[in-house]
């Protein structure tokens, strides 16, 4: 049983260890890995903490040195971990081969049977976890992990709505995680989107779920107020362009495109974007300022190794000011 806790934003999802090949090598080209803690919801929680918010994560980790090390890494970045339960099961892993030139990045998941995947939907006491929470953030990766994780996500979102908290949902369809259950995904994702005030998704996501364009989401989901997404143009793994858009029921706000050269690590950029949008909405930014801030946060994440965006508000505002210098002294 969890102790009662309070946070501005509570994220619910699986915490993972990432093992990546060094120096953009192929997987197992050399005999060692770079190791980082990550996972979509953990990435959002860390970024929000760096932006000055009280962020927490609810999850299940193995009762092992690996599980406790992951929780410790989140605490090191200011994320509250009281809502993490430690139990039987293995550590969820994923292996990353960085892209280079015209070779795309590749992700190999190894998370079947993880402590999070096998946890019962009854394992989380949302009455204890949600008091004081203003936003709950969940992603579509969670129902892909297991049926019980998806049911827990739905219960969390429903309980948050009942308590007056806002709910954000990142569609994040991952075919490799859904596996043989992929045909169930559209219906499951629609069910979760019905609880959301804010959805992170693009035309492909809404086509997949609804068979139509993003506008259809406002008709399908009664609580929905905003849709946010990034738009990425790829010339190669190292040369890309990124912009963002935020759509309300009445208007659409877009950003200027940013050129990305010499990308260090693009994993987690979408989560940095999500945290940026939440930062703007929590701070009552006007929609244009919110999407500008979020897109700049995602741009900076491409320069930071690992899953977490460690950029501060000052870092992001400097990019927005277009006053960057070669060296800050």
Foldseek 3Di string as FASTA:
>chain_A
DFAFDAWQEEEEDAKAKEWEDPPLDDVVPDDGTDIFIDDLRLQLQLLLVQQPTAYEYAFEAEPDPVRVVNLVVSVVSPYDYRNYHYHDWHGWYKYWRPFDFARHIDIDTDGAGGRRLPDALVPGDLVRYQVNYQEYEYELLQCLQYVRSLSNLLVNLVVCVVVVHAYEYEDPDDCNSNDPVVVVSLVSSLSNLLSHQEYEDAQVSCCSNPVGGPLVSCVSHVNHFKYKYKDKADPHSFWIKIKIWMDGNVDIAIDDIDIGGRFDDLAQLRSQLVSQLVVCVVVVHDVNVSRLLSRLQSRQVSNDPHNHRNDYSVNSVCVVVVPDDPDDD
